[in-house]
Amino acid sequence: MRSFHVHPLTPERVFLAYPLVRSALPAVTLEDWTAFAEDFLPGDRRPSSTGILTVENESGVIIGLVAYECRRDLEQGKVLIVDRLLAFELLDRRGVAELIVEAIEAEADRQGCRAIHTCLPVVEGRQRPGWLVALLQARGHDVASMSLCKRVAAGL
């Protein structure tokens, strides 16, 4: 029987999460990933209001992750911003995603947040993946805003 466990990502395990990141986001380099992770992992220079949670299988392989940050929202007060929710498990991807969602809800409660804002990527104008949107909506998440992105040249 499969068993999955949620753990905070530590600096020593950042490299072990890269295969998952690369499988979901092929254009992301190892350097991109380590810089991103460094910005989220709590430490001497960073607050404990940021982090990355991972889901590991019984062999210790990272098969899911989510980055989060607490921020003040003008309307809702303290909120947990969730970014890069990734889940990859051949037999139970939904189960891994459910663990991640439960973990972020627990983190929001621990941090004293009044809401969770989850950012999901789109591909060709469509939400991706539909099953993840349905999972979040089944747990009480609603569409509350829309985010737009304009790519700009570096250094401008």
Protein backbone atom coordinates (compact mmCIF):
# COMPACT_ATOMS: atom_id res chain seq x y z
CA MET A 1 0.00 0.00 0.00
CA ARG A 2 1.28 3.47 -0.95
CA SER A 3 2.02 5.99 1.76
CA PHE A 4 2.68 9.67 1.30
CA HIS A 5 4.02 12.21 3.78
CA VAL A 6 4.08 16.01 3.79
CA HIS A 7 7.33 17.72 4.83
CA PRO A 8 8.70 21.26 4.62
CA LEU A 9 11.43 21.46 1.99
CA THR A 10 14.86 21.99 3.52
CA PRO A 11 17.88 23.53 1.78
CA GLU A 12 19.57 20.11 1.73
CA ARG A 13 16.67 18.61 -0.27
CA VAL A 14 16.15 21.41 -2.84
CA PHE A 15 18.05 19.44 -5.49
CA LEU A 16 15.87 16.37 -4.87
CA ALA A 17 12.77 18.35 -5.85
CA TYR A 18 14.20 19.43 -9.19
CA PRO A 19 13.12 16.32 -11.17
CA LEU A 20 9.49 17.05 -10.23
CA VAL A 21 9.87 20.72 -11.15
CA ARG A 22 11.53 19.82 -14.45
CA SER A 23 8.82 17.31 -15.36
CA ALA A 24 6.10 19.92 -14.82
CA LEU A 25 8.03 22.94 -16.13
CA PRO A 26 10.60 21.74 -18.70
CA ALA A 27 12.01 25.21 -19.40
CA VAL A 28 13.03 25.75 -15.76
CA THR A 29 16.75 25.25 -15.22
CA LEU A 30 18.34 23.95 -12.05
CA GLU A 31 19.65 27.46 -11.41
CA ASP A 32 16.13 28.91 -11.83
CA TRP A 33 14.72 26.35 -9.41
CA THR A 34 17.37 26.81 -6.71
CA ALA A 35 17.02 30.62 -6.85
CA PHE A 36 13.23 30.31 -6.60
CA ALA A 37 13.45 27.86 -3.70
CA GLU A 38 15.96 30.03 -1.87
CA ASP A 39 13.48 32.91 -1.93
CA PHE A 40 10.82 30.75 -0.24
CA LEU A 41 12.79 28.75 2.33
CA PRO A 42 12.78 30.40 5.76
CA GLY A 43 16.16 31.36 7.11
CA ASP A 44 18.13 34.09 8.79
CA ARG A 45 17.28 36.60 6.05
CA ARG A 46 13.78 35.39 5.23
CA PRO A 47 10.63 35.34 7.35
CA SER A 48 8.91 32.16 8.53
CA SER A 49 5.86 33.32 6.59
CA THR A 50 7.21 31.68 3.42
CA GLY A 51 7.97 28.08 2.62
CA ILE A 52 7.74 25.11 0.31
CA LEU A 53 5.88 21.98 1.34
CA THR A 54 6.62 18.65 -0.33
CA VAL A 55 4.85 15.33 -0.57
CA GLU A 56 7.16 12.33 -0.51
CA ASN A 57 6.36 8.72 -1.24
CA GLU A 58 7.43 5.83 0.96
CA SER A 59 10.87 5.85 -0.70
CA GLY A 60 11.47 9.53 0.06
CA VAL A 61 10.98 10.64 -3.56
CA ILE A 62 9.39 14.08 -3.84
CA ILE A 63 6.19 13.69 -5.87
CA GLY A 64 4.40 16.92 -4.99
CA LEU A 65 5.22 20.43 -3.87
CA VAL A 66 3.73 23.81 -3.24
CA ALA A 67 5.33 27.18 -2.49
CA TYR A 68 3.52 29.66 -0.26
CA GLU A 69 3.87 33.13 1.19
CA CYS A 70 1.78 35.05 3.71
CA ARG A 71 0.87 38.56 2.64
CA ARG A 72 -1.48 41.32 3.65
CA ASP A 73 -4.45 41.72 1.31
CA LEU A 74 -6.28 45.06 1.25
CA GLU A 75 -9.72 43.44 1.57
CA GLN A 76 -9.10 40.17 3.39
CA GLY A 77 -6.21 40.96 5.71
CA LYS A 78 -3.57 38.26 6.11
CA VAL A 79 -3.77 35.70 3.28
CA LEU A 80 -1.73 32.71 2.19
CA ILE A 81 -0.59 33.06 -1.42
CA VAL A 82 -0.03 29.63 -2.98
CA ASP A 83 2.20 29.30 -6.02
CA ARG A 84 3.41 26.37 -8.09
CA LEU A 85 1.21 23.59 -6.80
CA LEU A 86 2.75 20.55 -8.52
CA ALA A 87 1.69 16.92 -8.13
CA PHE A 88 3.10 13.96 -10.01
CA GLU A 89 2.31 10.39 -9.10
CA LEU A 90 1.35 7.86 -11.71
CA LEU A 91 -1.21 5.95 -9.67
CA ASP A 92 -2.65 8.59 -7.34
CA ARG A 93 -1.95 12.13 -8.52
CA ARG A 94 -5.26 13.34 -7.10
CA GLY A 95 -4.39 11.85 -3.70
CA VAL A 96 -1.08 13.72 -3.73
CA ALA A 97 -2.86 16.97 -4.66
CA GLU A 98 -5.40 16.42 -1.86
CA LEU A 99 -2.54 16.08 0.65
CA ILE A 100 -1.03 19.32 -0.65
CA VAL A 101 -4.35 21.15 -0.38
CA GLU A 102 -4.87 19.86 3.17
CA ALA A 103 -1.33 20.96 4.06
CA ILE A 104 -1.81 24.49 2.72
CA GLU A 105 -5.10 24.80 4.57
CA ALA A 106 -3.33 23.74 7.79
CA GLU A 107 -0.51 26.22 7.07
CA ALA A 108 -3.01 29.03 6.50
CA ASP A 109 -4.59 28.20 9.85
CA ARG A 110 -1.18 28.04 11.57
CA GLN A 111 -0.22 31.43 10.11
CA GLY A 112 -3.55 33.01 11.12
CA CYS A 113 -4.61 33.72 7.54
CA ARG A 114 -8.16 34.68 6.64
CA ALA A 115 -8.03 33.32 3.07
CA ILE A 116 -5.96 31.27 0.65
CA HIS A 117 -5.21 32.61 -2.83
CA THR A 118 -4.05 29.86 -5.18
CA CYS A 119 -2.31 30.76 -8.44
CA LEU A 120 -2.71 28.14 -11.16
CA PRO A 121 -1.00 28.41 -14.54
CA VAL A 122 -2.94 28.52 -17.79
CA VAL A 123 -2.02 27.02 -21.13
CA GLU A 124 -3.37 28.50 -24.33
CA GLY A 125 -5.96 30.49 -22.39
CA ARG A 126 -7.37 27.47 -20.53
CA GLN A 127 -7.09 26.51 -16.88
CA ARG A 128 -4.74 23.64 -16.25
CA PRO A 129 -5.43 21.05 -15.04
CA GLY A 130 -9.22 20.92 -14.80
CA TRP A 131 -9.20 18.17 -12.19
CA LEU A 132 -7.12 20.37 -9.86
CA VAL A 133 -9.51 23.30 -10.25
CA ALA A 134 -12.41 20.92 -9.46
CA LEU A 135 -10.56 19.59 -6.39
CA LEU A 136 -9.98 23.11 -5.06
CA GLN A 137 -13.57 24.15 -5.75
CA ALA A 138 -14.85 21.04 -3.95
CA ARG A 139 -12.88 22.18 -0.88
CA GLY A 140 -14.49 25.65 -0.95
CA HIS A 141 -12.10 27.61 -3.16
CA ASP A 142 -13.82 30.03 -5.56
CA VAL A 143 -12.62 32.14 -8.44
CA ALA A 144 -11.98 35.49 -6.79
CA SER A 145 -9.68 37.27 -9.21
CA MET A 146 -7.88 36.99 -12.48
CA SER A 147 -4.16 37.46 -12.97
CA LEU A 148 -2.62 38.71 -16.19
CA CYS A 149 1.02 38.45 -17.20
CA LYS A 150 3.01 40.49 -19.67
CA ARG A 151 6.52 39.24 -20.38
CA VAL A 152 9.11 42.01 -20.50
CA ALA A 153 12.76 42.03 -21.44
CA ALA A 154 15.09 41.47 -18.51
CA GLY A 155 16.65 44.61 -17.12
CA LEU A 156 14.01 47.06 -18.31
